[in-house]
C-alpha atoms as a PDB file:
ATOM      1  CA  UNK A   1      -7.931  -6.415  19.230  1.00  0.00           C
ATOM      2  CA  UNK A   2      -5.813  -8.618  16.965  1.00  0.00           C
ATOM      3  CA  UNK A   3      -6.693  -6.480  13.946  1.00  0.00           C
ATOM      4  CA  UNK A   4      -5.742  -3.297  15.803  1.00  0.00           C
ATOM      5  CA  UNK A   5      -2.381  -4.781  16.805  1.00  0.00           C
ATOM      6  CA  UNK A   6      -1.770  -5.856  13.222  1.00  0.00           C
ATOM      7  CA  UNK A   7      -2.481  -2.312  12.069  1.00  0.00           C
ATOM      8  CA  UNK A   8      -0.050  -0.877  14.638  1.00  0.00           C
ATOM      9  CA  UNK A   9       2.573  -3.426  13.622  1.00  0.00           C
ATOM     10  CA  UNK A  10       2.302  -2.996   9.848  1.00  0.00           C
ATOM     11  CA  UNK A  11       1.461   0.690   9.572  1.00  0.00           C
ATOM     12  CA  UNK A  12       3.471   2.135  12.478  1.00  0.00           C
ATOM     13  CA  UNK A  13       6.098  -0.103  14.061  1.00  0.00           C
ATOM     14  CA  UNK A  14       7.580  -1.741  10.958  1.00  0.00           C
ATOM     15  CA  UNK A  15       7.999   1.511   8.982  1.00  0.00           C
ATOM     16  CA  UNK A  16       9.469   3.260  12.033  1.00  0.00           C
ATOM     17  CA  UNK A  17      11.911   0.429  12.708  1.00  0.00           C
ATOM     18  CA  UNK A  18      12.848   0.280   9.021  1.00  0.00           C
ATOM     19  CA  UNK A  19      13.714   3.981   8.872  1.00  0.00           C
ATOM     20  CA  UNK A  20      15.625   3.782  12.169  1.00  0.00           C
ATOM     21  CA  UNK A  21      17.653   0.788  11.005  1.00  0.00           C
ATOM     22  CA  UNK A  22      18.570   2.440   7.693  1.00  0.00           C
ATOM     23  CA  UNK A  23      19.713   5.644   9.384  1.00  0.00           C
ATOM     24  CA  UNK A  24      21.791   3.697  11.909  1.00  0.00           C
ATOM     25  CA  UNK A  25      23.484   1.763   9.108  1.00  0.00           C
ATOM     26  CA  UNK A  26      24.216   5.052   7.336  1.00  0.00           C
ATOM     27  CA  UNK A  27      26.005   6.449  10.378  1.00  0.00           C
ATOM     28  CA  UNK A  28      28.041   3.354  11.249  1.00  0.00           C
ATOM     29  CA  UNK A  29      28.865   2.068   7.764  1.00  0.00           C
ATOM     30  CA  UNK A  30      32.527   2.765   6.946  1.00  0.00           C
ATOM     31  CA  UNK A  31      33.093   4.631   3.686  1.00  0.00           C
ATOM     32  CA  UNK A  32      36.146   5.615   1.680  1.00  0.00           C
ATOM     33  CA  UNK A  33      37.735   8.826   2.816  1.00  0.00           C
ATOM     34  CA  UNK A  34      38.450   9.848  -0.760  1.00  0.00           C
ATOM     35  CA  UNK A  35      36.941   9.523  -4.203  1.00  0.00           C
ATOM     36  CA  UNK A  36      37.701   6.278  -6.003  1.00  0.00           C
ATOM     37  CA  UNK A  37      36.224   3.842  -8.481  1.00  0.00           C
ATOM     38  CA  UNK A  38      34.610   2.045  -5.558  1.00  0.00           C
ATOM     39  CA  UNK A  39      32.615   5.220  -4.779  1.00  0.00           C
ATOM     40  CA  UNK A  40      31.012   5.175  -8.248  1.00  0.00           C
ATOM     41  CA  UNK A  41      30.399   1.406  -8.024  1.00  0.00           C
ATOM     42  CA  UNK A  42      28.776   1.710  -4.600  1.00  0.00           C
ATOM     43  CA  UNK A  43      26.613   4.617  -5.769  1.00  0.00           C
ATOM     44  CA  UNK A  44      25.429   2.746  -8.881  1.00  0.00           C
ATOM     45  CA  UNK A  45      24.822  -0.393  -6.857  1.00  0.00           C
ATOM     46  CA  UNK A  46      22.801   1.545  -4.297  1.00  0.00           C
ATOM     47  CA  UNK A  47      20.517   2.954  -6.975  1.00  0.00           C
ATOM     48  CA  UNK A  48      20.204  -0.543  -8.451  1.00  0.00           C
ATOM     49  CA  UNK A  49      19.104  -1.882  -5.068  1.00  0.00           C
ATOM     50  CA  UNK A  50      16.492   0.888  -4.849  1.00  0.00           C
ATOM     51  CA  UNK A  51      15.127  -0.060  -8.288  1.00  0.00           C
ATOM     52  CA  UNK A  52      15.036  -3.758  -7.358  1.00  0.00           C
ATOM     53  CA  UNK A  53      13.206  -2.940  -4.127  1.00  0.00           C
ATOM     54  CA  UNK A  54      10.571  -0.981  -6.052  1.00  0.00           C
ATOM     55  CA  UNK A  55       9.818  -4.031  -8.209  1.00  0.00           C
ATOM     56  CA  UNK A  56       9.824  -6.386  -5.235  1.00  0.00           C
ATOM     57  CA  UNK A  57       7.648  -4.177  -3.054  1.00  0.00           C
ATOM     58  CA  UNK A  58       5.069  -3.698  -5.818  1.00  0.00           C
ATOM     59  CA  UNK A  59       4.762  -7.477  -6.111  1.00  0.00           C
ATOM     60  CA  UNK A  60       4.446  -7.825  -2.345  1.00  0.00           C
ATOM     61  CA  UNK A  61       1.704  -5.182  -2.272  1.00  0.00           C
ATOM     62  CA  UNK A  62      -0.252  -7.041  -4.962  1.00  0.00           C
ATOM     63  CA  UNK A  63      -0.051 -10.287  -2.950  1.00  0.00           C
ATOM     64  CA  UNK A  64      -0.461  -8.771   0.496  1.00  0.00           C
ATOM     65  CA  UNK A  65      -3.664  -9.259   2.517  1.00  0.00           C
ATOM     66  CA  UNK A  66      -3.241  -5.632   3.612  1.00  0.00           C
ATOM     67  CA  UNK A  67      -2.063  -3.742   0.507  1.00  0.00           C
ATOM     68  CA  UNK A  68      -2.391  -0.231   1.967  1.00  0.00           C
ATOM     69  CA  UNK A  69      -0.288  -1.060   5.000  1.00  0.00           C
ATOM     70  CA  UNK A  70       2.254  -2.856   2.827  1.00  0.00           C
ATOM     71  CA  UNK A  71       2.417   0.293   0.700  1.00  0.00           C
ATOM     72  CA  UNK A  72       3.322   2.340   3.768  1.00  0.00           C
ATOM     73  CA  UNK A  73       6.071  -0.161   4.553  1.00  0.00           C
ATOM     74  CA  UNK A  74       7.343   0.048   0.968  1.00  0.00           C
ATOM     75  CA  UNK A  75       7.625   3.838   1.085  1.00  0.00           C
ATOM     76  CA  UNK A  76       9.328   3.658   4.488  1.00  0.00           C
ATOM     77  CA  UNK A  77      11.976   1.424   2.936  1.00  0.00           C
ATOM     78  CA  UNK A  78      12.472   2.891  -0.542  1.00  0.00           C
ATOM     79  CA  UNK A  79      12.460   6.646   0.097  1.00  0.00           C
ATOM     80  CA  UNK A  80      14.925   6.686   3.037  1.00  0.00           C
ATOM     81  CA  UNK A  81      17.279   4.295   1.247  1.00  0.00           C
ATOM     82  CA  UNK A  82      17.158   6.490  -1.854  1.00  0.00           C
ATOM     83  CA  UNK A  83      18.066   9.575   0.180  1.00  0.00           C
ATOM     84  CA  UNK A  84      20.789   7.808   2.141  1.00  0.00           C
ATOM     85  CA  UNK A  85      22.493   6.640  -1.056  1.00  0.00           C
ATOM     86  CA  UNK A  86      22.861  10.233  -2.220  1.00  0.00           C
ATOM     87  CA  UNK A  87      23.770  11.471   1.262  1.00  0.00           C
ATOM     88  CA  UNK A  88      26.598   8.955   1.451  1.00  0.00           C
ATOM     89  CA  UNK A  89      28.043  10.109  -1.870  1.00  0.00           C
ATOM     90  CA  UNK A  90      27.728  13.775  -0.860  1.00  0.00           C
ATOM     91  CA  UNK A  91      29.608  12.991   2.332  1.00  0.00           C
ATOM     92  CA  UNK A  92      32.486  11.408   0.392  1.00  0.00           C
ATOM     93  CA  UNK A  93      32.541  14.195  -2.206  1.00  0.00           C
ATOM     94  CA  UNK A  94      32.675  16.922   0.420  1.00  0.00           C
ATOM     95  CA  UNK A  95      35.901  15.456   1.795  1.00  0.00           C
ATOM     96  CA  UNK A  96      37.603  16.767  -1.330  1.00  0.00           C
ATOM     97  CA  UNK A  97      38.237  20.505  -0.932  1.00  0.00           C
ATOM     98  CA  UNK A  98      36.502  22.822  -3.355  1.00  0.00           C
ATOM     99  CA  UNK A  99      33.586  20.559  -4.356  1.00  0.00           C
ATOM    100  CA  UNK A 100      31.099  22.030  -1.880  1.00  0.00           C
ATOM    101  CA  UNK A 101      30.987  25.360  -0.117  1.00  0.00           C
ATOM    102  CA  UNK A 102      31.974  23.602   3.115  1.00  0.00           C
ATOM    103  CA  UNK A 103      33.026  20.220   4.436  1.00  0.00           C
ATOM    104  CA  UNK A 104      30.033  18.047   5.258  1.00  0.00           C
ATOM    105  CA  UNK A 105      29.483  15.745   8.179  1.00  0.00           C
ATOM    106  CA  UNK A 106      27.191  12.754   7.758  1.00  0.00           C
ATOM    107  CA  UNK A 107      24.329  14.756   9.216  1.00  0.00           C
ATOM    108  CA  UNK A 108      25.087  17.687   6.910  1.00  0.00           C
ATOM    109  CA  UNK A 109      25.140  15.371   3.891  1.00  0.00           C
ATOM    110  CA  UNK A 110      21.806  13.808   4.866  1.00  0.00           C
ATOM    111  CA  UNK A 111      20.340  17.258   5.464  1.00  0.00           C
ATOM    112  CA  UNK A 112      21.499  18.417   2.043  1.00  0.00           C
ATOM    113  CA  UNK A 113      20.059  15.324   0.314  1.00  0.00           C
ATOM    114  CA  UNK A 114      16.687  15.904   1.984  1.00  0.00           C
ATOM    115  CA  UNK A 115      16.620  19.595   1.034  1.00  0.00           C
ATOM    116  CA  UNK A 116      17.334  18.716  -2.593  1.00  0.00           C
ATOM    117  CA  UNK A 117      14.608  16.050  -2.516  1.00  0.00           C
ATOM    118  CA  UNK A 118      12.034  18.441  -1.089  1.00  0.00           C
ATOM    119  CA  UNK A 119      13.268  21.390  -3.214  1.00  0.00           C
ATOM    120  CA  UNK A 120      13.581  23.551  -0.079  1.00  0.00           C
ATOM    121  CA  UNK A 121      17.269  24.389  -0.289  1.00  0.00           C
ATOM    122  CA  UNK A 122      18.271  27.235   2.021  1.00  0.00           C
ATOM    123  CA  UNK A 123      21.535  28.102   0.304  1.00  0.00           C
ATOM    124  CA  UNK A 124      23.690  27.256   3.323  1.00  0.00           C
ATOM    125  CA  UNK A 125      25.281  24.296   1.485  1.00  0.00           C
ATOM    126  CA  UNK A 126      26.087  24.856  -2.179  1.00  0.00           C
ATOM    127  CA  UNK A 127      27.768  22.596  -4.770  1.00  0.00           C
ATOM    128  CA  UNK A 128      30.665  24.587  -6.182  1.00  0.00           C
ATOM    129  CA  UNK A 129      32.591  22.291  -8.526  1.00  0.00           C
ATOM    130  CA  UNK A 130      31.188  20.897 -11.760  1.00  0.00           C
ATOM    131  CA  UNK A 131      31.256  17.310 -10.505  1.00  0.00           C
ATOM    132  CA  UNK A 132      29.241  18.156  -7.402  1.00  0.00           C
ATOM    133  CA  UNK A 133      26.699  20.089  -9.454  1.00  0.00           C
ATOM    134  CA  UNK A 134      26.386  17.179 -11.864  1.00  0.00           C
ATOM    135  CA  UNK A 135      25.622  14.799  -8.977  1.00  0.00           C
ATOM    136  CA  UNK A 136      23.015  17.189  -7.573  1.00  0.00           C
ATOM    137  CA  UNK A 137      21.436  17.350 -11.036  1.00  0.00           C
ATOM    138  CA  UNK A 138      21.301  13.550 -11.107  1.00  0.00           C
ATOM    139  CA  UNK A 139      19.442  13.587  -7.797  1.00  0.00           C
ATOM    140  CA  UNK A 140      16.996  16.198  -9.062  1.00  0.00           C
ATOM    141  CA  UNK A 141      16.123  14.004 -12.049  1.00  0.00           C
ATOM    142  CA  UNK A 142      15.940  10.918  -9.818  1.00  0.00           C
ATOM    143  CA  UNK A 143      13.637  12.839  -7.447  1.00  0.00           C
ATOM    144  CA  UNK A 144      11.229  13.484 -10.303  1.00  0.00           C
ATOM    145  CA  UNK A 145      11.274   9.795 -11.205  1.00  0.00           C
ATOM    146  CA  UNK A 146      10.713   8.847  -7.574  1.00  0.00           C
ATOM    147  CA  UNK A 147       7.705  11.131  -7.224  1.00  0.00           C
ATOM    148  CA  UNK A 148       6.242  10.661 -10.708  1.00  0.00           C
ATOM    149  CA  UNK A 149       6.900   6.976 -11.393  1.00  0.00           C
ATOM    150  CA  UNK A 150       7.699   5.087  -8.207  1.00  0.00           C
ATOM    151  CA  UNK A 151       4.962   6.704  -6.140  1.00  0.00           C
ATOM    152  CA  UNK A 152       2.436   6.081  -8.908  1.00  0.00           C
ATOM    153  CA  UNK A 153       3.486   2.424  -9.154  1.00  0.00           C
ATOM    154  CA  UNK A 154       3.052   1.882  -5.435  1.00  0.00           C
ATOM    155  CA  UNK A 155      -0.306   3.661  -5.271  1.00  0.00           C
ATOM    156  CA  UNK A 156      -1.499   1.733  -8.327  1.00  0.00           C
ATOM    157  CA  UNK A 157      -0.460  -1.544  -6.712  1.00  0.00           C
ATOM    158  CA  UNK A 158      -2.335  -0.596  -3.537  1.00  0.00           C
ATOM    159  CA  UNK A 159      -5.492   0.162  -5.534  1.00  0.00           C
ATOM    160  CA  UNK A 160      -5.182  -3.100  -7.468  1.00  0.00           C
ATOM    161  CA  UNK A 161      -4.698  -5.068  -4.261  1.00  0.00           C
ATOM    162  CA  UNK A 162      -7.719  -3.477  -2.608  1.00  0.00           C
ATOM    163  CA  UNK A 163      -9.913  -3.931  -5.669  1.00  0.00           C
ATOM    164  CA  UNK A 164      -9.658  -7.700  -5.249  1.00  0.00           C
ATOM    165  CA  UNK A 165     -11.797  -7.388  -2.134  1.00  0.00           C
ATOM    166  CA  UNK A 166     -14.822  -6.293  -4.172  1.00  0.00           C
ATOM    167  CA  UNK A 167     -17.599  -8.795  -3.747  1.00  0.00           C
ATOM    168  CA  UNK A 168     -18.954 -10.799  -6.665  1.00  0.00           C
ATOM    169  CA  UNK A 169     -22.480 -12.148  -6.581  1.00  0.00           C
ATOM    170  CA  UNK A 170     -23.072 -15.592  -8.033  1.00  0.00           C
ATOM    171  CA  UNK A 171     -26.658 -16.687  -8.791  1.00  0.00           C
ATOM    172  CA  UNK A 172     -27.754 -20.005  -7.281  1.00  0.00           C
ATOM    173  CA  UNK A 173     -31.267 -20.103  -8.683  1.00  0.00           C
ATOM    174  CA  UNK A 174     -34.570 -20.248  -6.783  1.00  0.00           C
ATOM    175  CA  UNK A 175     -34.299 -16.563  -6.068  1.00  0.00           C
ATOM    176  CA  UNK A 176     -31.043 -16.947  -4.148  1.00  0.00           C
ATOM    177  CA  UNK A 177     -27.592 -15.511  -4.745  1.00  0.00           C
ATOM    178  CA  UNK A 178     -24.308 -16.149  -3.046  1.00  0.00           C
ATOM    179  CA  UNK A 179     -21.820 -13.387  -2.449  1.00  0.00           C
ATOM    180  CA  UNK A 180     -18.213 -14.522  -2.576  1.00  0.00           C
ATOM    181  CA  UNK A 181     -15.376 -12.277  -1.552  1.00  0.00           C
ATOM    182  CA  UNK A 182     -11.721 -13.109  -1.232  1.00  0.00           C
ATOM    183  CA  UNK A 183     -10.757 -12.258   2.308  1.00  0.00           C
ATOM    184  CA  UNK A 184      -7.229 -12.736   3.401  1.00  0.00           C
ATOM    185  CA  UNK A 185      -7.012 -13.106   7.138  1.00  0.00           C
ATOM    186  CA  UNK A 186      -3.237 -13.138   7.439  1.00  0.00           C
ATOM    187  CA  UNK A 187      -2.749 -16.901   7.580  1.00  0.00           C
ATOM    188  CA  UNK A 188      -0.857 -17.070   4.318  1.00  0.00           C
ATOM    189  CA  UNK A 189      -3.829 -18.186   2.258  1.00  0.00           C
ATOM    190  CA  UNK A 190      -6.951 -16.746   0.758  1.00  0.00           C
ATOM    191  CA  UNK A 191     -10.135 -17.475   2.645  1.00  0.00           C
ATOM    192  CA  UNK A 192     -13.472 -17.567   0.944  1.00  0.00           C
ATOM    193  CA  UNK A 193     -16.585 -16.165   2.559  1.00  0.00           C
ATOM    194  CA  UNK A 194     -19.995 -16.970   1.235  1.00  0.00           C
ATOM    195  CA  UNK A 195     -23.162 -15.305   2.446  1.00  0.00           C
ATOM    196  CA  UNK A 196     -26.391 -16.656   1.007  1.00  0.00           C
ATOM    197  CA  UNK A 197     -29.210 -14.208   0.354  1.00  0.00           C
ATOM    198  CA  UNK A 198     -32.681 -15.625   0.162  1.00  0.00           C
ATOM    199  CA  UNK A 199     -34.827 -14.194  -2.576  1.00  0.00           C
ATOM    200  CA  UNK A 200     -38.468 -13.391  -2.695  1.00  0.00           C
ATOM    201  CA  UNK A 201     -39.225 -16.805  -4.213  1.00  0.00           C
ATOM    202  CA  UNK A 202     -39.526 -18.665  -0.923  1.00  0.00           C
ATOM    203  CA  UNK A 203     -43.056 -19.751   0.005  1.00  0.00           C
ATOM    204  CA  UNK A 204     -44.677 -20.649   3.294  1.00  0.00           C
ATOM    205  CA  UNK A 205     -41.692 -20.979   5.619  1.00  0.00           C
ATOM    206  CA  UNK A 206     -38.014 -21.888   5.335  1.00  0.00           C
ATOM    207  CA  UNK A 207     -36.597 -22.959   1.980  1.00  0.00           C
ATOM    208  CA  UNK A 208     -36.516 -26.677   1.530  1.00  0.00           C
ATOM    209  CA  UNK A 209     -39.549 -27.308   3.783  1.00  0.00           C
ATOM    210  CA  UNK A 210     -42.267 -29.271   2.039  1.00  0.00           C
ATOM    211  CA  UNK A 211     -45.876 -28.075   2.473  1.00  0.00           C
ATOM    212  CA  UNK A 212     -48.100 -30.242   4.631  1.00  0.00           C
ATOM    213  CA  UNK A 213     -50.755 -32.262   2.862  1.00  0.00           C
ATOM    214  CA  UNK A 214     -54.485 -32.365   3.718  1.00  0.00           C
ATOM    215  CA  UNK A 215     -55.725 -35.484   5.447  1.00  0.00           C
ATOM    216  CA  UNK A 216     -58.390 -37.349   3.548  1.00  0.00           C
ATOM    217  CA  UNK A 217     -60.434 -40.400   4.577  1.00  0.00           C
END
């Protein structure tokens, strides 16, 4: 029961709450109503935060007792934040007339960022000015990096974390081996489980029992 709740918490609730919180922040965060130097600084800083999160999440996956579930949490944090950074800049750009085919609301800007990310643009929102097209091109290149590099890093970290659970057999002699596996039970440390396997070398009962002698007068 505890393991099932931990799965629901790590693989379902935390990613869902993370995405919900990021979207809420996107809608309530005040932004400049016109282009300025601060817009470029905020955009660059947002991408820097995404890159820092990739490094941090990969390290957390490698140390996590549940690397696969931590990988789900990492994707639920990195991908939405990446999209929201571009959506926020699109929203500010669209306030300037002539940059896009229409003025964008926050929802429109998020919709456009997602369609560019998934390469399923419908043509209803089109970058018109050179600056807007340049920003969309930047997102296209960043999308390729996200799918080709970031996703591979996270999946590789998940595989590395899970490979540490492979059991190693250690010989003890007398036909016995001990199997040691690093099991992390969520208490912040690394437990060690040892299961002894008795070999075929035991004779006449349990190991360690001495054979009875024959009585003599």
